[in-house]
Amino acid sequence: MDTNILLENGTNELEVLEFTIDGNSYGINVAKVREIIPYHPVTPVPNSHTCIEGIFMPRDVMITAINLPRYLHLRENADVKNDMMIITNFNKLDISFHVDKVLGIHRVSWADIITPDNTINTADSSISTGVIKIDGKLIIILDFEKIVTDISPETGLKVSDIDKLGVRNRSESPILTVEDSPLLGKLIRDSLIKAGYTNILTASNGQQAWDMLSKMKEEGNVLNKVKCIITDIEMPIMDGHRLTKLVKTDSVLESIPLIIFSSLVNSEMRLKGEALGANAQLSKPEIGQLVELIDGLIK
């Protein structure tokens, strides 16, 4: 099943691939998906995490296979011959997720995605980025970055790179970070403060960021209140591409440097970001490079 689907830039829409595990429906952003294949036998890796089934090489790239039912503590099929594998690429990693069935693709607006409340969405434990209701059925969109980081922590945000930057001067230049993941939002904020940027504003989605910027513009002097915007792409209500389009088509706000910092930054997404006017784009693990980009853009 080919998922080479392109969306128009800045429409605030995404396409969600629906799949099932143990009778429950889950979703993944199609932008993360390379292809979908029938279950493929894997080679076990000694001493690896219990949720890693092994590795395989369907073509010329070695892919790690993660047993998603096992990670989610759901029932695994005894007979896997009818199971499916969703091969993904994000954070510069090629990873396959073993699931029961793949049902299809839904095109939805980020505005229709329900953000989980604090009862199920905490910085330490949440693996859901949102919920959509389609034909009376709830589909839980999983946080695949967090799943991979839980299994292999070294693949997450490289906060240790901040130490490699050495001694730095402190800066009061206000930076607006837009990130829906409570855990990543805190890590990004803490990393920037550690790097010397002490005036950090935060928003949990593009709409909240846009409301903040619009209010500052009405009050006047917005260009002194925000010196740089750092935004994720995948966010409920309003995504980072839509936010970028709004900022870069505004006669006042367009001069504010904007960096897209996302696990989805690949060649295809980079073209979209460039078309929307982003000043820079960077894959999410590279927090040290993010600081260096901010340094250059603010100066």
C-alpha atoms as a PDB file:
ATOM      1  CA  MET A   1       0.000   0.000   0.000  1.00  0.00           C
ATOM      2  CA  ASP A   2       1.584   3.258  -1.145  1.00  0.00           C
ATOM      3  CA  THR A   3       1.110   6.294   1.088  1.00  0.00           C
ATOM      4  CA  ASN A   4       2.828   8.887  -1.088  1.00  0.00           C
ATOM      5  CA  ILE A   5       0.124  11.471  -0.463  1.00  0.00           C
ATOM      6  CA  LEU A   6       0.850  15.195  -0.703  1.00  0.00           C
ATOM      7  CA  LEU A   7      -1.275  17.842   0.980  1.00  0.00           C
ATOM      8  CA  GLU A   8      -1.462  21.504   0.049  1.00  0.00           C
ATOM      9  CA  ASN A   9       0.744  23.769   2.114  1.00  0.00           C
ATOM     10  CA  GLY A  10      -0.626  25.395   5.243  1.00  0.00           C
ATOM     11  CA  THR A  11      -4.182  24.011   5.042  1.00  0.00           C
ATOM     12  CA  ASN A  12      -4.109  22.815   8.670  1.00  0.00           C
ATOM     13  CA  GLU A  13      -4.999  19.303   7.505  1.00  0.00           C
ATOM     14  CA  LEU A  14      -3.354  15.937   7.893  1.00  0.00           C
ATOM     15  CA  GLU A  15      -3.988  12.406   6.793  1.00  0.00           C
ATOM     16  CA  VAL A  16      -4.249   9.755   9.495  1.00  0.00           C
ATOM     17  CA  LEU A  17      -3.605   6.088   8.800  1.00  0.00           C
ATOM     18  CA  GLU A  18      -5.985   4.002  10.916  1.00  0.00           C
ATOM     19  CA  PHE A  19      -4.859   0.604  12.175  1.00  0.00           C
ATOM     20  CA  THR A  20      -6.077  -1.817  14.803  1.00  0.00           C
ATOM     21  CA  ILE A  21      -4.552  -3.743  17.693  1.00  0.00           C
ATOM     22  CA  ASP A  22      -6.656  -6.135  19.759  1.00  0.00           C
ATOM     23  CA  GLY A  23      -9.833  -4.631  18.277  1.00  0.00           C
ATOM     24  CA  ASN A  24      -8.919  -1.046  19.171  1.00  0.00           C
ATOM     25  CA  SER A  25      -8.372   1.722  16.598  1.00  0.00           C
ATOM     26  CA  TYR A  26      -5.201   3.820  16.563  1.00  0.00           C
ATOM     27  CA  GLY A  27      -3.719   6.325  14.159  1.00  0.00           C
ATOM     28  CA  ILE A  28      -0.438   7.635  12.786  1.00  0.00           C
ATOM     29  CA  ASN A  29       0.213  10.720  10.661  1.00  0.00           C
ATOM     30  CA  VAL A  30       0.696   9.565   7.065  1.00  0.00           C
ATOM     31  CA  ALA A  31       3.627  11.976   6.804  1.00  0.00           C
ATOM     32  CA  LYS A  32       5.606   9.549   8.994  1.00  0.00           C
ATOM     33  CA  VAL A  33       4.754   6.486   6.889  1.00  0.00           C
ATOM     34  CA  ARG A  34       7.024   5.173   4.136  1.00  0.00           C
ATOM     35  CA  GLU A  35       5.073   2.072   3.233  1.00  0.00           C
ATOM     36  CA  ILE A  36       2.865  -0.685   4.585  1.00  0.00           C
ATOM     37  CA  ILE A  37       3.753  -4.337   4.055  1.00  0.00           C
ATOM     38  CA  PRO A  38       2.497  -7.750   5.209  1.00  0.00           C
ATOM     39  CA  TYR A  39       4.233  -9.142   8.272  1.00  0.00           C
ATOM     40  CA  HIS A  40       7.909  -9.788   7.534  1.00  0.00           C
ATOM     41  CA  PRO A  41      10.015 -12.289   9.501  1.00  0.00           C
ATOM     42  CA  VAL A  42      12.737 -10.605  11.534  1.00  0.00           C
ATOM     43  CA  THR A  43      16.097 -11.529  12.999  1.00  0.00           C
ATOM     44  CA  PRO A  44      16.090 -11.216  16.812  1.00  0.00           C
ATOM     45  CA  VAL A  45      18.776  -8.989  18.349  1.00  0.00           C
ATOM     46  CA  PRO A  46      20.298 -10.395  21.579  1.00  0.00           C
ATOM     47  CA  ASN A  47      19.872  -8.281  24.731  1.00  0.00           C
ATOM     48  CA  SER A  48      17.596  -5.777  22.981  1.00  0.00           C
ATOM     49  CA  HIS A  49      14.497  -4.222  24.542  1.00  0.00           C
ATOM     50  CA  THR A  50      11.607  -6.680  24.988  1.00  0.00           C
ATOM     51  CA  CYS A  51       9.428  -4.644  22.609  1.00  0.00           C
ATOM     52  CA  ILE A  52      11.978  -4.881  19.797  1.00  0.00           C
ATOM     53  CA  GLU A  53      11.147  -7.964  17.735  1.00  0.00           C
ATOM     54  CA  GLY A  54      14.341  -7.738  15.728  1.00  0.00           C
ATOM     55  CA  ILE A  55      15.680  -6.331  12.482  1.00  0.00           C
ATOM     56  CA  PHE A  56      15.058  -7.000   8.811  1.00  0.00           C
ATOM     57  CA  MET A  57      16.149  -5.610   5.464  1.00  0.00           C
ATOM     58  CA  PRO A  58      13.353  -5.712   2.876  1.00  0.00           C
ATOM     59  CA  ARG A  59      15.486  -3.733   0.439  1.00  0.00           C
ATOM     60  CA  ASP A  60      18.764  -1.954   1.050  1.00  0.00           C
ATOM     61  CA  VAL A  61      17.940  -0.353   4.422  1.00  0.00           C
ATOM     62  CA  MET A  62      18.071  -2.117   7.781  1.00  0.00           C
ATOM     63  CA  ILE A  63      14.864  -1.579   9.733  1.00  0.00           C
ATOM     64  CA  THR A  64      14.152  -2.128  13.416  1.00  0.00           C
ATOM     65  CA  ALA A  65      10.819  -3.840  14.114  1.00  0.00           C
ATOM     66  CA  ILE A  66       8.851  -2.817  17.214  1.00  0.00           C
ATOM     67  CA  ASN A  67       6.041  -4.991  18.556  1.00  0.00           C
ATOM     68  CA  LEU A  68       3.368  -2.353  19.169  1.00  0.00           C
ATOM     69  CA  PRO A  69       0.815  -4.653  20.899  1.00  0.00           C
ATOM     70  CA  ARG A  70       3.515  -5.645  23.389  1.00  0.00           C
ATOM     71  CA  TYR A  71       4.476  -2.028  24.062  1.00  0.00           C
ATOM     72  CA  LEU A  72       0.814  -1.085  24.602  1.00  0.00           C
ATOM     73  CA  HIS A  73       0.233  -4.151  26.829  1.00  0.00           C
ATOM     74  CA  LEU A  74      -2.447  -5.465  24.476  1.00  0.00           C
ATOM     75  CA  ARG A  75      -3.114  -8.960  23.192  1.00  0.00           C
ATOM     76  CA  GLU A  76      -0.687 -10.239  20.562  1.00  0.00           C
ATOM     77  CA  ASN A  77      -1.923 -12.495  17.768  1.00  0.00           C
ATOM     78  CA  ALA A  78      -0.684 -16.072  18.084  1.00  0.00           C
ATOM     79  CA  ASP A  79      -0.648 -16.379  14.301  1.00  0.00           C
ATOM     80  CA  VAL A  80       1.096 -13.361  12.749  1.00  0.00           C
ATOM     81  CA  LYS A  81       0.796 -14.365   9.081  1.00  0.00           C
ATOM     82  CA  ASN A  82      -2.082 -11.902   8.511  1.00  0.00           C
ATOM     83  CA  ASP A  83      -0.535  -9.082  10.547  1.00  0.00           C
ATOM     84  CA  MET A  84       0.878  -5.917   8.998  1.00  0.00           C
ATOM     85  CA  MET A  85       3.984  -3.777   9.374  1.00  0.00           C
ATOM     86  CA  ILE A  86       3.920   0.015   9.112  1.00  0.00           C
ATOM     87  CA  ILE A  87       7.372   1.207   8.022  1.00  0.00           C
ATOM     88  CA  THR A  88       8.054   4.760   9.161  1.00  0.00           C
ATOM     89  CA  ASN A  89      10.716   7.417   8.913  1.00  0.00           C
ATOM     90  CA  PHE A  90      11.015  10.199  11.485  1.00  0.00           C
ATOM     91  CA  ASN A  91      13.804  11.621  13.627  1.00  0.00           C
ATOM     92  CA  LYS A  92      16.139  10.267  10.912  1.00  0.00           C
ATOM     93  CA  LEU A  93      15.184   6.683  11.877  1.00  0.00           C
ATOM     94  CA  ASP A  94      13.706   3.846   9.826  1.00  0.00           C
ATOM     95  CA  ILE A  95      11.405   1.878  12.126  1.00  0.00           C
ATOM     96  CA  SER A  96       8.669  -0.685  11.526  1.00  0.00           C
ATOM     97  CA  PHE A  97       5.667  -1.080  13.817  1.00  0.00           C
ATOM     98  CA  HIS A  98       3.988  -4.491  13.985  1.00  0.00           C
ATOM     99  CA  VAL A  99       0.168  -4.105  14.086  1.00  0.00           C
ATOM    100  CA  ASP A 100      -2.871  -6.328  13.524  1.00  0.00           C
ATOM    101  CA  LYS A 101      -4.657  -4.660  10.594  1.00  0.00           C
ATOM    102  CA  VAL A 102      -4.488  -1.472   8.542  1.00  0.00           C
ATOM    103  CA  LEU A 103      -7.948  -0.089   7.787  1.00  0.00           C
ATOM    104  CA  GLY A 104      -7.373   3.016   5.678  1.00  0.00           C
ATOM    105  CA  ILE A 105      -6.619   6.734   5.571  1.00  0.00           C
ATOM    106  CA  HIS A 106      -8.706   9.637   6.848  1.00  0.00           C
ATOM    107  CA  ARG A 107      -8.102  13.246   5.833  1.00  0.00           C
ATOM    108  CA  VAL A 108      -8.977  15.481   8.782  1.00  0.00           C
ATOM    109  CA  SER A 109      -8.384  18.981  10.100  1.00  0.00           C
ATOM    110  CA  TRP A 110      -6.120  19.514  13.082  1.00  0.00           C
ATOM    111  CA  ALA A 111      -9.024  21.584  14.461  1.00  0.00           C
ATOM    112  CA  ASP A 112     -11.066  18.363  14.735  1.00  0.00           C
ATOM    113  CA  ILE A 113      -8.472  16.563  16.838  1.00  0.00           C
ATOM    114  CA  ILE A 114      -9.314  16.444  20.520  1.00  0.00           C
ATOM    115  CA  THR A 115      -6.390  17.067  22.858  1.00  0.00           C
ATOM    116  CA  PRO A 116      -6.292  14.542  25.727  1.00  0.00           C
ATOM    117  CA  ASP A 117      -6.851  16.174  29.109  1.00  0.00           C
ATOM    118  CA  ASN A 118      -4.549  15.930  32.125  1.00  0.00           C
ATOM    119  CA  THR A 119      -6.101  12.674  33.322  1.00  0.00           C
ATOM    120  CA  ILE A 120      -4.403  10.799  30.450  1.00  0.00           C
ATOM    121  CA  ASN A 121      -1.931  13.341  29.089  1.00  0.00           C
ATOM    122  CA  THR A 122       1.052  13.901  31.359  1.00  0.00           C
ATOM    123  CA  ALA A 123       4.638  14.703  30.451  1.00  0.00           C
ATOM    124  CA  ASP A 124       5.930  11.377  31.744  1.00  0.00           C
ATOM    125  CA  SER A 125       3.312   8.840  30.721  1.00  0.00           C
ATOM    126  CA  SER A 126       1.192  10.041  27.796  1.00  0.00           C
ATOM    127  CA  ILE A 127       1.597   8.306  24.444  1.00  0.00           C
ATOM    128  CA  SER A 128      -1.427   9.948  22.810  1.00  0.00           C
ATOM    129  CA  THR A 129      -1.133  13.218  20.900  1.00  0.00           C
ATOM    130  CA  GLY A 130      -4.843  13.433  20.124  1.00  0.00           C
ATOM    131  CA  VAL A 131      -8.141  11.678  19.514  1.00  0.00           C
ATOM    132  CA  ILE A 132     -10.425  11.906  16.476  1.00  0.00           C
ATOM    133  CA  LYS A 133     -14.023  10.729  16.196  1.00  0.00           C
ATOM    134  CA  ILE A 134     -14.999   9.281  12.814  1.00  0.00           C
ATOM    135  CA  ASP A 135     -18.371   7.612  12.182  1.00  0.00           C
ATOM    136  CA  GLY A 136     -18.935   7.323  15.925  1.00  0.00           C
ATOM    137  CA  LYS A 137     -15.593   5.580  16.487  1.00  0.00           C
ATOM    138  CA  LEU A 138     -12.700   7.011  18.497  1.00  0.00           C
ATOM    139  CA  ILE A 139      -9.239   6.760  16.947  1.00  0.00           C
ATOM    140  CA  ILE A 140      -6.308   7.433  19.271  1.00  0.00           C
ATOM    141  CA  ILE A 141      -3.344   9.064  17.528  1.00  0.00           C
ATOM    142  CA  LEU A 142      -0.220   7.663  19.139  1.00  0.00           C
ATOM    143  CA  ASP A 143       2.957   9.580  19.991  1.00  0.00           C
ATOM    144  CA  PHE A 144       5.398   7.420  18.064  1.00  0.00           C
ATOM    145  CA  GLU A 145       8.384   9.613  18.976  1.00  0.00           C
ATOM    146  CA  LYS A 146       7.757   8.964  22.660  1.00  0.00           C
ATOM    147  CA  ILE A 147       7.266   5.242  22.040  1.00  0.00           C
ATOM    148  CA  VAL A 148      10.655   5.021  20.331  1.00  0.00           C
ATOM    149  CA  THR A 149      12.320   7.176  23.004  1.00  0.00           C
ATOM    150  CA  ASP A 150      10.879   4.985  25.778  1.00  0.00           C
ATOM    151  CA  ILE A 151      12.361   1.913  24.099  1.00  0.00           C
ATOM    152  CA  SER A 152      15.655   3.565  23.126  1.00  0.00           C
ATOM    153  CA  PRO A 153      16.282   6.790  25.113  1.00  0.00           C
ATOM    154  CA  GLU A 154      19.370   7.767  23.089  1.00  0.00           C
ATOM    155  CA  THR A 155      17.137   8.415  20.063  1.00  0.00           C
ATOM    156  CA  GLY A 156      15.347  11.269  21.848  1.00  0.00           C
ATOM    157  CA  LEU A 157      16.196  14.941  22.166  1.00  0.00           C
ATOM    158  CA  LYS A 158      19.978  15.242  22.433  1.00  0.00           C
ATOM    159  CA  VAL A 159      20.025  17.528  25.463  1.00  0.00           C
ATOM    160  CA  SER A 160      23.642  16.553  26.174  1.00  0.00           C
ATOM    161  CA  ASP A 161      24.613  18.532  23.060  1.00  0.00           C
ATOM    162  CA  ILE A 162      23.965  21.731  25.005  1.00  0.00           C
ATOM    163  CA  ASP A 163      26.984  20.974  27.205  1.00  0.00           C
ATOM    164  CA  LYS A 164      29.167  20.741  24.102  1.00  0.00           C
ATOM    165  CA  LEU A 165      28.394  24.369  23.275  1.00  0.00           C
ATOM    166  CA  GLY A 166      30.615  25.460  26.197  1.00  0.00           C
ATOM    167  CA  VAL A 167      30.253  28.620  28.283  1.00  0.00           C
ATOM    168  CA  ARG A 168      27.708  31.008  26.787  1.00  0.00           C
ATOM    169  CA  ASN A 169      26.484  34.517  27.524  1.00  0.00           C
ATOM    170  CA  ARG A 170      22.952  34.958  28.832  1.00  0.00           C
ATOM    171  CA  SER A 171      20.366  36.518  26.527  1.00  0.00           C
ATOM    172  CA  GLU A 172      17.018  38.114  27.342  1.00  0.00           C
ATOM    173  CA  SER A 173      15.852  37.884  23.711  1.00  0.00           C
ATOM    174  CA  PRO A 174      12.303  36.502  23.936  1.00  0.00           C
ATOM    175  CA  ILE A 175      11.764  33.203  22.124  1.00  0.00           C
ATOM    176  CA  LEU A 176       8.364  31.634  21.500  1.00  0.00           C
ATOM    177  CA  THR A 177       8.344  27.815  21.465  1.00  0.00           C
ATOM    178  CA  VAL A 178       5.297  25.999  20.086  1.00  0.00           C
ATOM    179  CA  GLU A 179       5.132  22.312  21.054  1.00  0.00           C
ATOM    180  CA  ASP A 180       2.160  20.139  22.014  1.00  0.00           C
ATOM    181  CA  SER A 181       4.111  17.388  23.803  1.00  0.00           C
ATOM    182  CA  PRO A 182       4.422  18.325  27.501  1.00  0.00           C
ATOM    183  CA  LEU A 183       7.646  16.324  27.812  1.00  0.00           C
ATOM    184  CA  LEU A 184       9.344  17.719  24.698  1.00  0.00           C
ATOM    185  CA  GLY A 185       8.106  21.218  25.450  1.00  0.00           C
ATOM    186  CA  LYS A 186       9.776  21.095  28.860  1.00  0.00           C
ATOM    187  CA  LEU A 187      12.996  19.605  27.441  1.00  0.00           C
ATOM    188  CA  ILE A 188      13.210  22.277  24.747  1.00  0.00           C
ATOM    189  CA  ARG A 189      12.537  25.074  27.244  1.00  0.00           C
ATOM    190  CA  ASP A 190      15.064  23.735  29.751  1.00  0.00           C
ATOM    191  CA  SER A 191      17.675  23.261  27.017  1.00  0.00           C
ATOM    192  CA  LEU A 192      17.285  26.838  25.740  1.00  0.00           C
ATOM    193  CA  ILE A 193      17.547  28.231  29.261  1.00  0.00           C
ATOM    194  CA  LYS A 194      20.654  26.143  29.826  1.00  0.00           C
ATOM    195  CA  ALA A 195      22.062  27.559  26.587  1.00  0.00           C
ATOM    196  CA  GLY A 196      21.564  31.094  27.915  1.00  0.00           C
ATOM    197  CA  TYR A 197      18.176  32.068  26.501  1.00  0.00           C
ATOM    198  CA  THR A 198      16.286  32.899  29.678  1.00  0.00           C
ATOM    199  CA  ASN A 199      13.156  34.589  28.273  1.00  0.00           C
ATOM    200  CA  ILE A 200      11.088  31.687  26.912  1.00  0.00           C
ATOM    201  CA  LEU A 201       7.419  31.978  25.960  1.00  0.00           C
ATOM    202  CA  THR A 202       5.497  28.760  25.363  1.00  0.00           C
ATOM    203  CA  ALA A 203       2.397  27.676  23.459  1.00  0.00           C
ATOM    204  CA  SER A 204       0.954  24.175  23.166  1.00  0.00           C
ATOM    205  CA  ASN A 205      -0.347  24.494  19.605  1.00  0.00           C
ATOM    206  CA  GLY A 206      -0.338  26.815  16.622  1.00  0.00           C
ATOM    207  CA  GLN A 207      -3.656  28.446  17.479  1.00  0.00           C
ATOM    208  CA  GLN A 208      -2.479  29.399  20.958  1.00  0.00           C
ATOM    209  CA  ALA A 209       0.732  30.818  19.479  1.00  0.00           C
ATOM    210  CA  TRP A 210      -1.178  32.765  16.829  1.00  0.00           C
ATOM    211  CA  ASP A 211      -3.532  34.216  19.458  1.00  0.00           C
ATOM    212  CA  MET A 212      -0.502  35.330  21.514  1.00  0.00           C
ATOM    213  CA  LEU A 213       1.156  36.944  18.494  1.00  0.00           C
ATOM    214  CA  SER A 214      -2.069  38.649  17.395  1.00  0.00           C
ATOM    215  CA  LYS A 215      -2.603  40.099  20.858  1.00  0.00           C
ATOM    216  CA  MET A 216       0.998  41.356  20.987  1.00  0.00           C
ATOM    217  CA  LYS A 217       0.563  42.950  17.559  1.00  0.00           C
ATOM    218  CA  GLU A 218      -2.564  44.761  18.735  1.00  0.00           C
ATOM    219  CA  GLU A 219      -0.733  46.008  21.824  1.00  0.00           C
ATOM    220  CA  GLY A 220       2.145  47.239  19.655  1.00  0.00           C
ATOM    221  CA  ASN A 221       5.878  46.558  19.623  1.00  0.00           C
ATOM    222  CA  VAL A 222       5.437  42.824  18.893  1.00  0.00           C
ATOM    223  CA  LEU A 223       8.850  42.697  17.201  1.00  0.00           C
ATOM    224  CA  ASN A 224      10.460  43.433  20.574  1.00  0.00           C
ATOM    225  CA  LYS A 225       8.264  40.920  22.388  1.00  0.00           C
ATOM    226  CA  VAL A 226       9.188  37.945  20.169  1.00  0.00           C
ATOM    227  CA  LYS A 227      12.601  37.658  18.543  1.00  0.00           C
ATOM    228  CA  CYS A 228      12.289  34.094  17.267  1.00  0.00           C
ATOM    229  CA  ILE A 229       9.576  31.433  16.855  1.00  0.00           C
ATOM    230  CA  ILE A 230      10.311  27.708  17.128  1.00  0.00           C
ATOM    231  CA  THR A 231       7.447  25.468  16.077  1.00  0.00           C
ATOM    232  CA  ASP A 232       6.663  21.790  15.789  1.00  0.00           C
ATOM    233  CA  ILE A 233       4.610  20.601  12.785  1.00  0.00           C
ATOM    234  CA  GLU A 234       2.220  18.056  14.310  1.00  0.00           C
ATOM    235  CA  MET A 235      -0.107  19.825  16.759  1.00  0.00           C
ATOM    236  CA  PRO A 236      -3.858  19.736  17.444  1.00  0.00           C
ATOM    237  CA  ILE A 237      -6.162  22.663  16.573  1.00  0.00           C
ATOM    238  CA  MET A 238      -3.518  24.358  14.367  1.00  0.00           C
ATOM    239  CA  ASP A 239      -0.351  22.735  13.038  1.00  0.00           C
ATOM    240  CA  GLY A 240       3.054  24.326  12.551  1.00  0.00           C
ATOM    241  CA  HIS A 241       2.736  24.682   8.786  1.00  0.00           C
ATOM    242  CA  ARG A 242      -0.481  26.676   9.142  1.00  0.00           C
ATOM    243  CA  LEU A 243       1.135  28.844  11.819  1.00  0.00           C
ATOM    244  CA  THR A 244       4.128  29.423   9.540  1.00  0.00           C
ATOM    245  CA  LYS A 245       1.853  30.481   6.686  1.00  0.00           C
ATOM    246  CA  LEU A 246      -0.046  32.926   8.908  1.00  0.00           C
ATOM    247  CA  VAL A 247       3.145  34.471  10.295  1.00  0.00           C
ATOM    248  CA  LYS A 248       4.945  34.747   6.967  1.00  0.00           C
ATOM    249  CA  THR A 249       1.962  36.312   5.163  1.00  0.00           C
ATOM    250  CA  ASP A 250       1.485  38.958   7.857  1.00  0.00           C
ATOM    251  CA  SER A 251       3.067  42.294   6.959  1.00  0.00           C
ATOM    252  CA  VAL A 252       4.199  42.892  10.558  1.00  0.00           C
ATOM    253  CA  LEU A 253       5.088  39.406  11.801  1.00  0.00           C
ATOM    254  CA  GLU A 254       6.862  38.155   8.660  1.00  0.00           C
ATOM    255  CA  SER A 255      10.194  39.622   9.802  1.00  0.00           C
ATOM    256  CA  ILE A 256      10.278  37.413  12.936  1.00  0.00           C
ATOM    257  CA  PRO A 257      12.658  34.473  12.310  1.00  0.00           C
ATOM    258  CA  LEU A 258      10.758  31.173  12.370  1.00  0.00           C
ATOM    259  CA  ILE A 259      12.339  27.733  12.785  1.00  0.00           C
ATOM    260  CA  ILE A 260      10.437  24.503  12.143  1.00  0.00           C
ATOM    261  CA  PHE A 261      11.770  21.968  14.664  1.00  0.00           C
ATOM    262  CA  SER A 262      10.088  18.639  14.037  1.00  0.00           C
ATOM    263  CA  SER A 263      10.629  14.911  13.698  1.00  0.00           C
ATOM    264  CA  LEU A 264       8.950  15.207  10.287  1.00  0.00           C
ATOM    265  CA  VAL A 265      11.629  17.314   8.623  1.00  0.00           C
ATOM    266  CA  ASN A 266      12.551  15.228   5.583  1.00  0.00           C
ATOM    267  CA  SER A 267      13.124  16.216   1.948  1.00  0.00           C
ATOM    268  CA  GLU A 268       9.409  16.429   1.171  1.00  0.00           C
ATOM    269  CA  MET A 269       8.498  18.370   4.309  1.00  0.00           C
ATOM    270  CA  ARG A 270      11.486  20.648   3.830  1.00  0.00           C
ATOM    271  CA  LEU A 271      10.089  21.769   0.479  1.00  0.00           C
ATOM    272  CA  LYS A 272       6.766  22.562   2.143  1.00  0.00           C
ATOM    273  CA  GLY A 273       8.456  24.569   4.884  1.00  0.00           C
ATOM    274  CA  GLU A 274      10.505  26.527   2.366  1.00  0.00           C
ATOM    275  CA  ALA A 275       7.402  27.316   0.300  1.00  0.00           C
ATOM    276  CA  LEU A 276       5.704  28.646   3.429  1.00  0.00           C
ATOM    277  CA  GLY A 277       8.646  30.928   4.253  1.00  0.00           C
ATOM    278  CA  ALA A 278      10.275  29.188   7.219  1.00  0.00           C
ATOM    279  CA  ASN A 279      13.715  30.680   7.911  1.00  0.00           C
ATOM    280  CA  ALA A 280      15.183  27.321   8.945  1.00  0.00           C
ATOM    281  CA  GLN A 281      14.116  23.711   9.480  1.00  0.00           C
ATOM    282  CA  LEU A 282      15.691  21.091  11.686  1.00  0.00           C
ATOM    283  CA  SER A 283      15.011  17.512  12.770  1.00  0.00           C
ATOM    284  CA  LYS A 284      13.930  17.327  16.396  1.00  0.00           C
ATOM    285  CA  PRO A 285      16.825  15.386  17.989  1.00  0.00           C
ATOM    286  CA  GLU A 286      19.359  18.112  17.119  1.00  0.00           C
ATOM    287  CA  ILE A 287      18.831  20.546  19.997  1.00  0.00           C
ATOM    288  CA  GLY A 288      22.460  21.778  19.852  1.00  0.00           C
ATOM    289  CA  GLN A 289      22.059  22.747  16.209  1.00  0.00           C
ATOM    290  CA  LEU A 290      18.781  24.465  17.107  1.00  0.00           C
ATOM    291  CA  VAL A 291      20.600  26.758  19.547  1.00  0.00           C
ATOM    292  CA  GLU A 292      23.203  27.581  16.900  1.00  0.00           C
ATOM    293  CA  LEU A 293      20.427  28.430  14.436  1.00  0.00           C
ATOM    294  CA  ILE A 294      18.771  30.737  16.970  1.00  0.00           C
ATOM    295  CA  ASP A 295      22.115  32.431  17.604  1.00  0.00           C
ATOM    296  CA  GLY A 296      22.510  33.203  13.909  1.00  0.00           C
ATOM    297  CA  LEU A 297      18.939  34.297  13.256  1.00  0.00           C
ATOM    298  CA  ILE A 298      18.666  36.601  16.271  1.00  0.00           C
ATOM    299  CA  LYS A 299      22.007  38.240  15.561  1.00  0.00           C
END
